[in-house]
Amino acid sequence: MKKLFSFLLVAILAIATVGCSQKKESKVIDLNQLKTSITETYGEDYTAQDINLTLFGDMYASIEDLYKDRYGLTSDMYEEVIAQMSIISAQSDEFVAVHAKEGQADAVLAALTNYQDTLKNDSMQYPMTQIKIQASQVIKKDNYVFFVMLGTPSMDAETDEEILASAKEQNQKAVDIINSFFE
């Protein structure tokens, strides 16, 4: 009986150790530092600025209402949101970084993907803006989700395919920075 008890105790400890070692700790990043890195990379070409209530007049009672209406993000989904956009409609830079609450990253991913789909399919845009929308990306890293639509496509590009490739290349700069914060 004593051997059986010892064996069971060792087995329980082994299972508990394996279970604990498989749980991955989420990395915590500084979204403001990330935003600064991205802003500095694009330099003068970065036209987005922090979204605030004054940009929208009296349309929203709170920033949480704005996030819910624009992005589909409810306050129970996130710890922190940084949202930036160009205030001139012809300039379409937009960057959204969300630190999702535990267990909410997939819901945030769905919300920002839905926002991207709405931009692609249901909105009237300037031709250059439409190309940037096609190049935009939604990225999930641990408990963080990002919507990235940044950069200025090359003026040397002549065909729609070349312009789209240039827009994707420009957008990728921010994606690479985001990835570097999770290495």
Protein backbone atom coordinates (compact mmCIF):
# COMPACT_ATOMS: atom_id res chain seq x y z
CA MET A 1 0.00 0.00 0.00
CA LYS A 2 2.82 2.37 0.87
CA LYS A 3 4.46 1.73 -2.55
CA LEU A 4 1.16 2.33 -4.33
CA PHE A 5 0.67 5.62 -2.45
CA SER A 6 4.25 6.71 -3.30
CA PHE A 7 3.74 5.80 -6.96
CA LEU A 8 0.47 7.78 -7.12
CA LEU A 9 2.06 10.78 -5.44
CA VAL A 10 4.97 10.76 -7.92
CA ALA A 11 2.54 10.39 -10.85
CA ILE A 12 0.40 13.30 -9.63
CA LEU A 13 3.46 15.52 -9.21
CA ALA A 14 4.72 14.59 -12.69
CA ILE A 15 1.36 15.40 -14.27
CA ALA A 16 1.12 18.69 -12.38
CA THR A 17 4.65 19.64 -13.45
CA VAL A 18 3.95 18.90 -17.10
CA GLY A 19 0.70 20.86 -16.95
CA CYS A 20 2.38 23.87 -15.40
CA SER A 21 5.33 23.83 -17.79
CA GLN A 22 3.01 23.82 -20.80
CA LYS A 23 1.21 26.99 -19.71
CA LYS A 24 2.77 29.85 -21.65
CA GLU A 25 3.14 33.22 -19.99
CA SER A 26 1.80 36.10 -22.06
CA LYS A 27 4.36 38.72 -22.82
CA VAL A 28 3.53 42.24 -21.65
CA ILE A 29 4.58 45.01 -24.00
CA ASP A 30 4.44 48.77 -23.77
CA LEU A 31 1.97 49.86 -26.46
CA ASN A 32 3.12 53.49 -26.25
CA GLN A 33 6.71 52.43 -26.90
CA LEU A 34 5.51 50.31 -29.83
CA LYS A 35 3.53 53.26 -31.22
CA THR A 36 6.60 55.49 -30.91
CA SER A 37 8.78 52.97 -32.74
CA ILE A 38 6.28 52.74 -35.58
CA THR A 39 5.83 56.53 -35.76
CA GLU A 40 9.58 57.10 -35.90
CA THR A 41 10.02 54.47 -38.62
CA TYR A 42 7.58 56.20 -40.98
CA GLY A 43 8.76 59.70 -40.08
CA GLU A 44 6.97 62.50 -41.95
CA ASP A 45 4.93 59.92 -43.89
CA TYR A 46 3.07 58.96 -40.70
CA THR A 47 -0.20 60.91 -40.82
CA ALA A 48 -2.20 59.16 -38.09
CA GLN A 49 -2.83 60.78 -34.74
CA ASP A 50 -4.46 59.59 -31.55
CA ILE A 51 -8.21 59.22 -31.83
CA ASN A 52 -10.04 61.34 -29.29
CA LEU A 53 -13.56 62.56 -28.79
CA THR A 54 -12.87 66.06 -30.13
CA LEU A 55 -12.19 64.58 -33.59
CA PHE A 56 -15.80 63.39 -33.69
CA GLY A 57 -17.57 66.36 -32.13
CA ASP A 58 -20.59 65.37 -30.06
CA MET A 59 -21.08 61.96 -31.71
CA TYR A 60 -19.84 59.95 -28.70
CA ALA A 61 -20.32 60.30 -24.97
CA SER A 62 -17.09 58.44 -24.20
CA ILE A 63 -14.03 56.99 -25.88
CA GLU A 64 -15.39 53.54 -25.03
CA ASP A 65 -18.50 54.34 -27.10
CA LEU A 66 -16.29 55.40 -29.99
CA TYR A 67 -14.26 52.15 -29.80
CA LYS A 68 -17.48 50.14 -29.69
CA ASP A 69 -19.08 51.93 -32.64
CA ARG A 70 -16.00 52.16 -34.86
CA TYR A 71 -14.20 48.90 -34.08
CA GLY A 72 -16.75 46.70 -32.32
CA LEU A 73 -14.65 46.70 -29.14
CA THR A 74 -16.53 46.67 -25.85
CA SER A 75 -14.78 47.69 -22.64
CA ASP A 76 -14.97 44.14 -21.25
CA MET A 77 -12.72 42.99 -24.13
CA TYR A 78 -9.61 45.06 -23.50
CA GLU A 79 -7.12 46.31 -20.94
CA GLU A 80 -5.78 49.07 -23.18
CA VAL A 81 -6.41 50.47 -26.64
CA ILE A 82 -4.28 52.78 -28.72
CA ALA A 83 -6.13 53.94 -31.80
CA GLN A 84 -4.79 56.38 -34.36
CA MET A 85 -6.11 57.56 -37.68
CA SER A 86 -5.58 60.31 -40.22
CA ILE A 87 -8.01 63.17 -39.82
CA ILE A 88 -7.89 63.98 -43.54
CA SER A 89 -9.91 61.37 -45.43
CA ALA A 90 -7.53 61.34 -48.40
CA GLN A 91 -4.77 60.19 -46.04
CA SER A 92 -5.82 56.83 -44.72
CA ASP A 93 -3.22 55.84 -42.15
CA GLU A 94 -4.76 53.92 -39.28
CA PHE A 95 -3.18 51.97 -36.43
CA VAL A 96 -5.04 50.16 -33.67
CA ALA A 97 -3.28 48.26 -30.90
CA VAL A 98 -5.35 46.37 -28.34
CA HIS A 99 -4.17 44.62 -25.20
CA ALA A 100 -7.02 42.16 -24.80
CA LYS A 101 -8.24 40.98 -21.43
CA GLU A 102 -7.47 37.36 -20.61
CA GLY A 103 -9.58 35.12 -22.83
CA GLN A 104 -10.73 37.99 -25.09
CA ALA A 105 -7.99 38.05 -27.76
CA ASP A 106 -10.05 35.99 -30.22
CA ALA A 107 -13.06 38.29 -29.74
CA VAL A 108 -10.85 41.34 -30.36
CA LEU A 109 -9.38 39.63 -33.42
CA ALA A 110 -12.89 39.00 -34.75
CA ALA A 111 -13.92 42.62 -34.10
CA LEU A 112 -10.91 44.13 -35.87
CA THR A 113 -11.19 41.65 -38.74
CA ASN A 114 -14.84 42.66 -39.11
CA TYR A 115 -13.76 46.32 -39.15
CA GLN A 116 -11.22 45.54 -41.89
CA ASP A 117 -13.85 43.63 -43.88
CA THR A 118 -16.24 46.57 -43.58
CA LEU A 119 -13.58 48.92 -44.93
CA LYS A 120 -12.82 46.55 -47.81
CA ASN A 121 -16.41 45.82 -48.79
CA ASP A 122 -18.84 48.42 -47.53
CA SER A 123 -17.26 51.83 -47.63
CA MET A 124 -16.68 54.45 -50.29
CA GLN A 125 -13.02 55.39 -50.43
CA TYR A 126 -10.56 57.34 -52.51
CA PRO A 127 -8.78 55.01 -55.01
CA MET A 128 -5.44 55.21 -53.17
CA THR A 129 -7.19 54.60 -49.86
CA GLN A 130 -8.90 51.52 -51.28
CA ILE A 131 -5.51 50.08 -52.21
CA LYS A 132 -4.18 50.74 -48.71
CA ILE A 133 -7.24 49.01 -47.25
CA GLN A 134 -6.48 45.96 -49.41
CA ALA A 135 -2.92 45.97 -48.01
CA SER A 136 -4.05 46.34 -44.38
CA GLN A 137 -3.47 43.56 -41.86
CA VAL A 138 -4.99 42.33 -38.62
CA ILE A 139 -2.43 40.57 -36.44
CA LYS A 140 -2.79 38.64 -33.19
CA LYS A 141 0.19 38.16 -30.88
CA ASP A 142 -0.55 36.56 -27.50
CA ASN A 143 -3.13 38.84 -25.84
CA TYR A 144 -2.53 41.67 -28.31
CA VAL A 145 -4.33 42.38 -31.56
CA PHE A 146 -3.38 45.02 -34.12
CA PHE A 147 -5.00 46.62 -37.14
CA VAL A 148 -2.33 48.11 -39.40
CA MET A 149 -2.96 50.33 -42.42
CA LEU A 150 0.12 52.51 -42.71
CA GLY A 151 2.59 53.95 -45.18
CA THR A 152 2.52 55.69 -48.51
CA PRO A 153 2.72 53.53 -51.64
CA SER A 154 5.45 54.44 -54.12
CA MET A 155 4.63 57.18 -56.61
CA ASP A 156 6.75 55.27 -59.15
CA ALA A 157 4.33 52.34 -59.21
CA GLU A 158 2.28 52.37 -62.40
CA THR A 159 -0.12 49.43 -62.35
CA ASP A 160 -2.65 48.55 -59.67
CA GLU A 161 -0.60 45.44 -58.89
CA GLU A 162 2.56 47.50 -58.39
CA ILE A 163 0.73 50.01 -56.21
CA LEU A 164 -0.76 47.21 -54.09
CA ALA A 165 2.65 45.54 -53.75
CA SER A 166 4.13 48.88 -52.67
CA ALA A 167 1.31 49.43 -50.15
CA LYS A 168 1.89 45.96 -48.69
CA GLU A 169 5.61 46.68 -48.46
CA GLN A 170 4.94 49.94 -46.65
CA ASN A 171 2.48 48.29 -44.26
CA GLN A 172 4.94 45.49 -43.55
CA LYS A 173 7.31 47.96 -41.86
CA ALA A 174 4.86 48.27 -38.96
CA VAL A 175 4.19 44.53 -38.91
CA ASP A 176 7.93 43.87 -38.62
CA ILE A 177 8.16 46.27 -35.67
CA ILE A 178 5.20 44.58 -33.97
CA ASN A 179 6.84 41.18 -34.48
CA SER A 180 10.12 42.47 -33.00
CA PHE A 181 8.34 43.35 -29.75
CA PHE A 182 7.34 39.69 -29.32
CA GLU A 183 10.74 38.08 -29.98
